[in-house]
Amino acid sequence: MNRGLILASLLLLHGPTGREIRINPRNVTSLHAPQPGQRNTSVTAGANCLINTSDGKFVSVAETCEAVSQMITGVGK
């Protein structure tokens, strides 16, 4: 039987402590950066971007939202 092969490209990101996090770019719904000069309680210390996913989870990563956005755009090419 010939079965189709589905390949998913995952983003390799890093948490604030340096651990590796892999995220399916298709599940990313929004990106939130900390606001300069403002105390921000929604982004974990050491994180530069908070990623919302389609399953309702929030993932804090060390990469900037701009870098994550560029990675997502690059995966789609």
PDB file of N, CA and C in Angstrom:
ATOM      1  N   MET A   1       0.833  -1.164   0.000  1.00  0.00           N
ATOM      2  CA  MET A   1       0.000   0.000   0.000  1.00  0.00           C
ATOM      3  C   MET A   1       0.892   1.247   0.000  1.00  0.00           C
ATOM      4  N   ASN A   2       0.571   2.197  -0.846  1.00  0.00           N
ATOM      5  CA  ASN A   2       1.343   3.433  -0.946  1.00  0.00           C
ATOM      6  C   ASN A   2       0.683   4.502  -0.087  1.00  0.00           C
ATOM      7  N   ARG A   3       1.376   4.910   0.955  1.00  0.00           N
ATOM      8  CA  ARG A   3       0.837   5.939   1.838  1.00  0.00           C
ATOM      9  C   ARG A   3       1.605   7.231   1.644  1.00  0.00           C
ATOM     10  N   GLY A   4       0.893   8.344   1.658  1.00  0.00           N
ATOM     11  CA  GLY A   4       1.538   9.649   1.534  1.00  0.00           C
ATOM     12  C   GLY A   4       2.336   9.966   2.786  1.00  0.00           C
ATOM     13  N   LEU A   5       3.408  10.660   2.606  1.00  0.00           N
ATOM     14  CA  LEU A   5       4.267  11.050   3.716  1.00  0.00           C
ATOM     15  C   LEU A   5       4.043  12.523   4.015  1.00  0.00           C
ATOM     16  N   ILE A   6       3.709  12.813   5.248  1.00  0.00           N
ATOM     17  CA  ILE A   6       3.486  14.198   5.659  1.00  0.00           C
ATOM     18  C   ILE A   6       4.703  14.658   6.450  1.00  0.00           C
ATOM     19  N   LEU A   7       5.325  15.719   5.979  1.00  0.00           N
ATOM     20  CA  LEU A   7       6.477  16.281   6.673  1.00  0.00           C
ATOM     21  C   LEU A   7       6.090  17.644   7.237  1.00  0.00           C
ATOM     22  N   ALA A   8       6.360  17.828   8.487  1.00  0.00           N
ATOM     23  CA  ALA A   8       6.089  19.118   9.113  1.00  0.00           C
ATOM     24  C   ALA A   8       7.413  19.777   9.473  1.00  0.00           C
ATOM     25  N   SER A   9       7.562  21.002   9.085  1.00  0.00           N
ATOM     26  CA  SER A   9       8.750  21.764   9.463  1.00  0.00           C
ATOM     27  C   SER A   9       8.455  22.447  10.783  1.00  0.00           C
ATOM     28  N   LEU A  10       9.240  22.143  11.788  1.00  0.00           N
ATOM     29  CA  LEU A  10       9.055  22.736  13.096  1.00  0.00           C
ATOM     30  C   LEU A  10      10.081  23.836  13.315  1.00  0.00           C
ATOM     31  N   LEU A  11       9.674  24.872  14.028  1.00  0.00           N
ATOM     32  CA  LEU A  11      10.601  25.934  14.392  1.00  0.00           C
ATOM     33  C   LEU A  11      11.383  25.489  15.615  1.00  0.00           C
ATOM     34  N   LEU A  12      12.683  25.666  15.589  1.00  0.00           N
ATOM     35  CA  LEU A  12      13.516  25.385  16.747  1.00  0.00           C
ATOM     36  C   LEU A  12      13.769  26.707  17.461  1.00  0.00           C
ATOM     37  N   LEU A  13      13.173  26.833  18.641  1.00  0.00           N
ATOM     38  CA  LEU A  13      13.297  28.053  19.436  1.00  0.00           C
ATOM     39  C   LEU A  13      13.887  27.681  20.788  1.00  0.00           C
ATOM     40  N   HIS A  14      14.087  28.686  21.630  1.00  0.00           N
ATOM     41  CA  HIS A  14      14.691  28.459  22.946  1.00  0.00           C
ATOM     42  C   HIS A  14      13.901  29.190  24.018  1.00  0.00           C
ATOM     43  N   GLY A  15      13.666  28.496  25.121  1.00  0.00           N
ATOM     44  CA  GLY A  15      13.003  29.115  26.256  1.00  0.00           C
ATOM     45  C   GLY A  15      13.946  30.069  26.961  1.00  0.00           C
ATOM     46  N   PRO A  16      13.446  30.842  27.917  1.00  0.00           N
ATOM     47  CA  PRO A  16      14.278  31.798  28.648  1.00  0.00           C
ATOM     48  C   PRO A  16      15.455  31.143  29.373  1.00  0.00           C
ATOM     49  N   THR A  17      15.337  29.865  29.700  1.00  0.00           N
ATOM     50  CA  THR A  17      16.428  29.161  30.390  1.00  0.00           C
ATOM     51  C   THR A  17      17.368  28.460  29.417  1.00  0.00           C
ATOM     52  N   GLY A  18      17.082  28.574  28.109  1.00  0.00           N
ATOM     53  CA  GLY A  18      17.939  27.974  27.103  1.00  0.00           C
ATOM     54  C   GLY A  18      17.480  26.622  26.582  1.00  0.00           C
ATOM     55  N   ARG A  19      16.417  26.060  27.164  1.00  0.00           N
ATOM     56  CA  ARG A  19      15.973  24.746  26.671  1.00  0.00           C
ATOM     57  C   ARG A  19      15.357  24.880  25.283  1.00  0.00           C
ATOM     58  N   GLU A  20      15.502  23.833  24.490  1.00  0.00           N
ATOM     59  CA  GLU A  20      14.978  23.838  23.124  1.00  0.00           C
ATOM     60  C   GLU A  20      13.467  23.630  23.130  1.00  0.00           C
ATOM     61  N   ILE A  21      12.804  24.385  22.279  1.00  0.00           N
ATOM     62  CA  ILE A  21      11.356  24.288  22.114  1.00  0.00           C
ATOM     63  C   ILE A  21      11.092  24.172  20.619  1.00  0.00           C
ATOM     64  N   ARG A  22      10.308  23.197  20.230  1.00  0.00           N
ATOM     65  CA  ARG A  22       9.940  23.037  18.818  1.00  0.00           C
ATOM     66  C   ARG A  22       8.446  23.329  18.669  1.00  0.00           C
ATOM     67  N   ILE A  23       8.146  24.199  17.729  1.00  0.00           N
ATOM     68  CA  ILE A  23       6.765  24.629  17.523  1.00  0.00           C
ATOM     69  C   ILE A  23       6.408  24.498  16.049  1.00  0.00           C
ATOM     70  N   ASN A  24       5.217  23.969  15.805  1.00  0.00           N
ATOM     71  CA  ASN A  24       4.704  23.899  14.443  1.00  0.00           C
ATOM     72  C   ASN A  24       4.250  25.306  14.053  1.00  0.00           C
ATOM     73  N   PRO A  25       4.841  25.897  13.027  1.00  0.00           N
ATOM     74  CA  PRO A  25       4.478  27.272  12.656  1.00  0.00           C
ATOM     75  C   PRO A  25       3.014  27.420  12.257  1.00  0.00           C
ATOM     76  N   ARG A  26       2.374  26.348  11.833  1.00  0.00           N
ATOM     77  CA  ARG A  26       0.959  26.421  11.459  1.00  0.00           C
ATOM     78  C   ARG A  26       0.064  26.631  12.677  1.00  0.00           C
ATOM     79  N   ASN A  27       0.593  26.334  13.870  1.00  0.00           N
ATOM     80  CA  ASN A  27      -0.192  26.486  15.094  1.00  0.00           C
ATOM     81  C   ASN A  27      -0.034  27.851  15.754  1.00  0.00           C
ATOM     82  N   VAL A  28       0.852  28.691  15.220  1.00  0.00           N
ATOM     83  CA  VAL A  28       1.079  30.016  15.807  1.00  0.00           C
ATOM     84  C   VAL A  28      -0.055  30.949  15.389  1.00  0.00           C
ATOM     85  N   THR A  29      -0.726  31.534  16.389  1.00  0.00           N
ATOM     86  CA  THR A  29      -1.826  32.452  16.085  1.00  0.00           C
ATOM     87  C   THR A  29      -1.433  33.916  16.276  1.00  0.00           C
ATOM     88  N   SER A  30      -0.520  34.185  17.224  1.00  0.00           N
ATOM     89  CA  SER A  30      -0.069  35.565  17.416  1.00  0.00           C
ATOM     90  C   SER A  30       1.254  35.597  18.180  1.00  0.00           C
ATOM     91  N   LEU A  31       1.945  36.716  18.034  1.00  0.00           N
ATOM     92  CA  LEU A  31       3.223  36.955  18.701  1.00  0.00           C
ATOM     93  C   LEU A  31       3.106  38.254  19.496  1.00  0.00           C
ATOM     94  N   HIS A  32       3.662  38.263  20.716  1.00  0.00           N
ATOM     95  CA  HIS A  32       3.597  39.449  21.564  1.00  0.00           C
ATOM     96  C   HIS A  32       4.979  39.746  22.132  1.00  0.00           C
ATOM     97  N   ALA A  33       5.464  40.947  21.867  1.00  0.00           N
ATOM     98  CA  ALA A  33       6.770  41.383  22.373  1.00  0.00           C
ATOM     99  C   ALA A  33       6.580  42.226  23.624  1.00  0.00           C
ATOM    100  N   PRO A  34       7.545  42.178  24.539  1.00  0.00           N
ATOM    101  CA  PRO A  34       7.466  43.069  25.704  1.00  0.00           C
ATOM    102  C   PRO A  34       7.569  44.520  25.248  1.00  0.00           C
ATOM    103  N   GLN A  35       6.904  45.397  25.947  1.00  0.00           N
ATOM    104  CA  GLN A  35       6.931  46.815  25.608  1.00  0.00           C
ATOM    105  C   GLN A  35       8.118  47.483  26.291  1.00  0.00           C
ATOM    106  N   PRO A  36       9.006  48.118  25.539  1.00  0.00           N
ATOM    107  CA  PRO A  36      10.173  48.781  26.134  1.00  0.00           C
ATOM    108  C   PRO A  36       9.758  49.846  27.152  1.00  0.00           C
ATOM    109  N   GLY A  37      10.430  49.837  28.287  1.00  0.00           N
ATOM    110  CA  GLY A  37      10.183  50.837  29.313  1.00  0.00           C
ATOM    111  C   GLY A  37       8.949  50.604  30.160  1.00  0.00           C
ATOM    112  N   GLN A  38       8.226  49.512  29.911  1.00  0.00           N
ATOM    113  CA  GLN A  38       7.025  49.217  30.690  1.00  0.00           C
ATOM    114  C   GLN A  38       7.180  47.876  31.391  1.00  0.00           C
ATOM    115  N   ARG A  39       6.682  47.805  32.601  1.00  0.00           N
ATOM    116  CA  ARG A  39       6.664  46.531  33.314  1.00  0.00           C
ATOM    117  C   ARG A  39       5.649  45.649  32.616  1.00  0.00           C
ATOM    118  N   ASN A  40       6.068  44.478  32.189  1.00  0.00           N
ATOM    119  CA  ASN A  40       5.181  43.602  31.432  1.00  0.00           C
ATOM    120  C   ASN A  40       5.032  42.286  32.171  1.00  0.00           C
ATOM    121  N   THR A  41       3.865  42.021  32.680  1.00  0.00           N
ATOM    122  CA  THR A  41       3.628  40.797  33.445  1.00  0.00           C
ATOM    123  C   THR A  41       3.218  39.623  32.570  1.00  0.00           C
ATOM    124  N   SER A  42       2.950  39.863  31.282  1.00  0.00           N
ATOM    125  CA  SER A  42       2.523  38.760  30.413  1.00  0.00           C
ATOM    126  C   SER A  42       3.699  38.024  29.777  1.00  0.00           C
ATOM    127  N   VAL A  43       4.893  38.605  29.826  1.00  0.00           N
ATOM    128  CA  VAL A  43       6.064  37.957  29.243  1.00  0.00           C
ATOM    129  C   VAL A  43       7.028  37.591  30.369  1.00  0.00           C
ATOM    130  N   THR A  44       7.435  36.327  30.419  1.00  0.00           N
ATOM    131  CA  THR A  44       8.342  35.822  31.439  1.00  0.00           C
ATOM    132  C   THR A  44       9.687  36.528  31.364  1.00  0.00           C
ATOM    133  N   ALA A  45      10.315  36.737  32.516  1.00  0.00           N
ATOM    134  CA  ALA A  45      11.651  37.337  32.548  1.00  0.00           C
ATOM    135  C   ALA A  45      12.602  36.517  31.684  1.00  0.00           C
ATOM    136  N   GLY A  46      13.384  37.186  30.864  1.00  0.00           N
ATOM    137  CA  GLY A  46      14.326  36.510  29.977  1.00  0.00           C
ATOM    138  C   GLY A  46      13.728  36.140  28.632  1.00  0.00           C
ATOM    139  N   ALA A  47      12.428  36.328  28.471  1.00  0.00           N
ATOM    140  CA  ALA A  47      11.770  36.030  27.199  1.00  0.00           C
ATOM    141  C   ALA A  47      11.643  37.302  26.379  1.00  0.00           C
ATOM    142  N   ASN A  48      11.796  37.169  25.090  1.00  0.00           N
ATOM    143  CA  ASN A  48      11.664  38.312  24.190  1.00  0.00           C
ATOM    144  C   ASN A  48      10.427  38.235  23.321  1.00  0.00           C
ATOM    145  N   CYS A  49       9.703  37.118  23.424  1.00  0.00           N
ATOM    146  CA  CYS A  49       8.487  36.965  22.635  1.00  0.00           C
ATOM    147  C   CYS A  49       7.571  35.947  23.315  1.00  0.00           C
ATOM    148  N   LEU A  50       6.291  36.257  23.343  1.00  0.00           N
ATOM    149  CA  LEU A  50       5.276  35.340  23.840  1.00  0.00           C
ATOM    150  C   LEU A  50       4.472  34.881  22.629  1.00  0.00           C
ATOM    151  N   ILE A  51       4.460  33.568  22.406  1.00  0.00           N
ATOM    152  CA  ILE A  51       3.779  32.986  21.244  1.00  0.00           C
ATOM    153  C   ILE A  51       2.466  32.357  21.701  1.00  0.00           C
ATOM    154  N   ASN A  52       1.366  32.737  21.057  1.00  0.00           N
ATOM    155  CA  ASN A  52       0.077  32.090  21.299  1.00  0.00           C
ATOM    156  C   ASN A  52      -0.104  31.020  20.225  1.00  0.00           C
ATOM    157  N   THR A  53      -0.624  29.867  20.633  1.00  0.00           N
ATOM    158  CA  THR A  53      -0.845  28.781  19.682  1.00  0.00           C
ATOM    159  C   THR A  53      -2.334  28.466  19.564  1.00  0.00           C
ATOM    160  N   SER A  54      -2.695  27.771  18.509  1.00  0.00           N
ATOM    161  CA  SER A  54      -4.097  27.484  18.209  1.00  0.00           C
ATOM    162  C   SER A  54      -4.772  26.608  19.258  1.00  0.00           C
ATOM    163  N   ASP A  55      -3.992  25.918  20.083  1.00  0.00           N
ATOM    164  CA  ASP A  55      -4.594  25.098  21.143  1.00  0.00           C
ATOM    165  C   ASP A  55      -4.737  25.871  22.453  1.00  0.00           C
ATOM    166  N   GLY A  56      -4.522  27.199  22.406  1.00  0.00           N
ATOM    167  CA  GLY A  56      -4.715  28.049  23.573  1.00  0.00           C
ATOM    168  C   GLY A  56      -3.517  28.163  24.498  1.00  0.00           C
ATOM    169  N   LYS A  57      -2.389  27.609  24.104  1.00  0.00           N
ATOM    170  CA  LYS A  57      -1.195  27.673  24.943  1.00  0.00           C
ATOM    171  C   LYS A  57      -0.398  28.932  24.643  1.00  0.00           C
ATOM    172  N   PHE A  58       0.422  29.316  25.624  1.00  0.00           N
ATOM    173  CA  PHE A  58       1.337  30.439  25.502  1.00  0.00           C
ATOM    174  C   PHE A  58       2.743  29.905  25.710  1.00  0.00           C
ATOM    175  N   VAL A  59       3.659  30.283  24.824  1.00  0.00           N
ATOM    176  CA  VAL A  59       5.044  29.812  24.906  1.00  0.00           C
ATOM    177  C   VAL A  59       5.959  31.027  24.924  1.00  0.00           C
ATOM    178  N   SER A  60       6.775  31.144  25.977  1.00  0.00           N
ATOM    179  CA  SER A  60       7.749  32.238  26.081  1.00  0.00           C
ATOM    180  C   SER A  60       9.066  31.774  25.494  1.00  0.00           C
ATOM    181  N   VAL A  61       9.628  32.576  24.580  1.00  0.00           N
ATOM    182  CA  VAL A  61      10.896  32.209  23.948  1.00  0.00           C
ATOM    183  C   VAL A  61      11.906  33.352  24.026  1.00  0.00           C
ATOM    184  N   ALA A  62      13.173  32.999  23.951  1.00  0.00           N
ATOM    185  CA  ALA A  62      14.261  33.981  24.020  1.00  0.00           C
ATOM    186  C   ALA A  62      14.405  34.765  22.720  1.00  0.00           C
ATOM    187  N   GLU A  63      14.010  34.187  21.605  1.00  0.00           N
ATOM    188  CA  GLU A  63      14.111  34.879  20.317  1.00  0.00           C
ATOM    189  C   GLU A  63      13.130  36.050  20.290  1.00  0.00           C
ATOM    190  N   THR A  64      13.457  37.061  19.511  1.00  0.00           N
ATOM    191  CA  THR A  64      12.546  38.201  19.358  1.00  0.00           C
ATOM    192  C   THR A  64      11.366  37.793  18.490  1.00  0.00           C
ATOM    193  N   CYS A  65      10.273  38.532  18.628  1.00  0.00           N
ATOM    194  CA  CYS A  65       9.101  38.259  17.793  1.00  0.00           C
ATOM    195  C   CYS A  65       9.427  38.469  16.315  1.00  0.00           C
ATOM    196  N   GLU A  66      10.282  39.425  16.025  1.00  0.00           N
ATOM    197  CA  GLU A  66      10.690  39.671  14.641  1.00  0.00           C
ATOM    198  C   GLU A  66      11.422  38.441  14.079  1.00  0.00           C
ATOM    199  N   ALA A  67      12.309  37.866  14.874  1.00  0.00           N
ATOM    200  CA  ALA A  67      13.051  36.673  14.433  1.00  0.00           C
ATOM    201  C   ALA A  67      12.104  35.483  14.242  1.00  0.00           C
ATOM    202  N   VAL A  68      11.149  35.327  15.161  1.00  0.00           N
ATOM    203  CA  VAL A  68      10.184  34.226  15.048  1.00  0.00           C
ATOM    204  C   VAL A  68       9.336  34.417  13.795  1.00  0.00           C
ATOM    205  N   SER A  69       8.893  35.648  13.558  1.00  0.00           N
ATOM    206  CA  SER A  69       8.093  35.938  12.367  1.00  0.00           C
ATOM    207  C   SER A  69       8.866  35.615  11.089  1.00  0.00           C
ATOM    208  N   GLN A  70      10.153  35.966  11.054  1.00  0.00           N
ATOM    209  CA  GLN A  70      10.984  35.661   9.887  1.00  0.00           C
ATOM    210  C   GLN A  70      11.137  34.152   9.701  1.00  0.00           C
ATOM    211  N   MET A  71      11.269  33.412  10.812  1.00  0.00           N
ATOM    212  CA  MET A  71      11.359  31.950  10.720  1.00  0.00           C
ATOM    213  C   MET A  71      10.076  31.364  10.154  1.00  0.00           C
ATOM    214  N   ILE A  72       8.938  31.859  10.614  1.00  0.00           N
ATOM    215  CA  ILE A  72       7.646  31.359  10.121  1.00  0.00           C
ATOM    216  C   ILE A  72       7.512  31.635   8.629  1.00  0.00           C
ATOM    217  N   THR A  73       7.878  32.828   8.206  1.00  0.00           N
ATOM    218  CA  THR A  73       7.819  33.187   6.786  1.00  0.00           C
ATOM    219  C   THR A  73       8.749  32.295   5.965  1.00  0.00           C
ATOM    220  N   GLY A  74       9.930  32.013   6.493  1.00  0.00           N
ATOM    221  CA  GLY A  74      10.907  31.163   5.803  1.00  0.00           C
ATOM    222  C   GLY A  74      10.450  29.732   5.672  1.00  0.00           C
ATOM    223  N   VAL A  75       9.682  29.222   6.649  1.00  0.00           N
ATOM    224  CA  VAL A  75       9.188  27.850   6.606  1.00  0.00           C
ATOM    225  C   VAL A  75       8.185  27.677   5.486  1.00  0.00           C
ATOM    226  N   GLY A  76       7.383  28.710   5.223  1.00  0.00           N
ATOM    227  CA  GLY A  76       6.341  28.628   4.196  1.00  0.00           C
ATOM    228  C   GLY A  76       6.864  28.648   2.789  1.00  0.00           C
ATOM    229  N   LYS A  77       8.138  28.936   2.594  1.00  0.00           N
ATOM    230  CA  LYS A  77       8.703  29.039   1.232  1.00  0.00           C
ATOM    231  C   LYS A  77       9.108  27.708   0.697  1.00  0.00           C
TER     232      LYS A  77
END
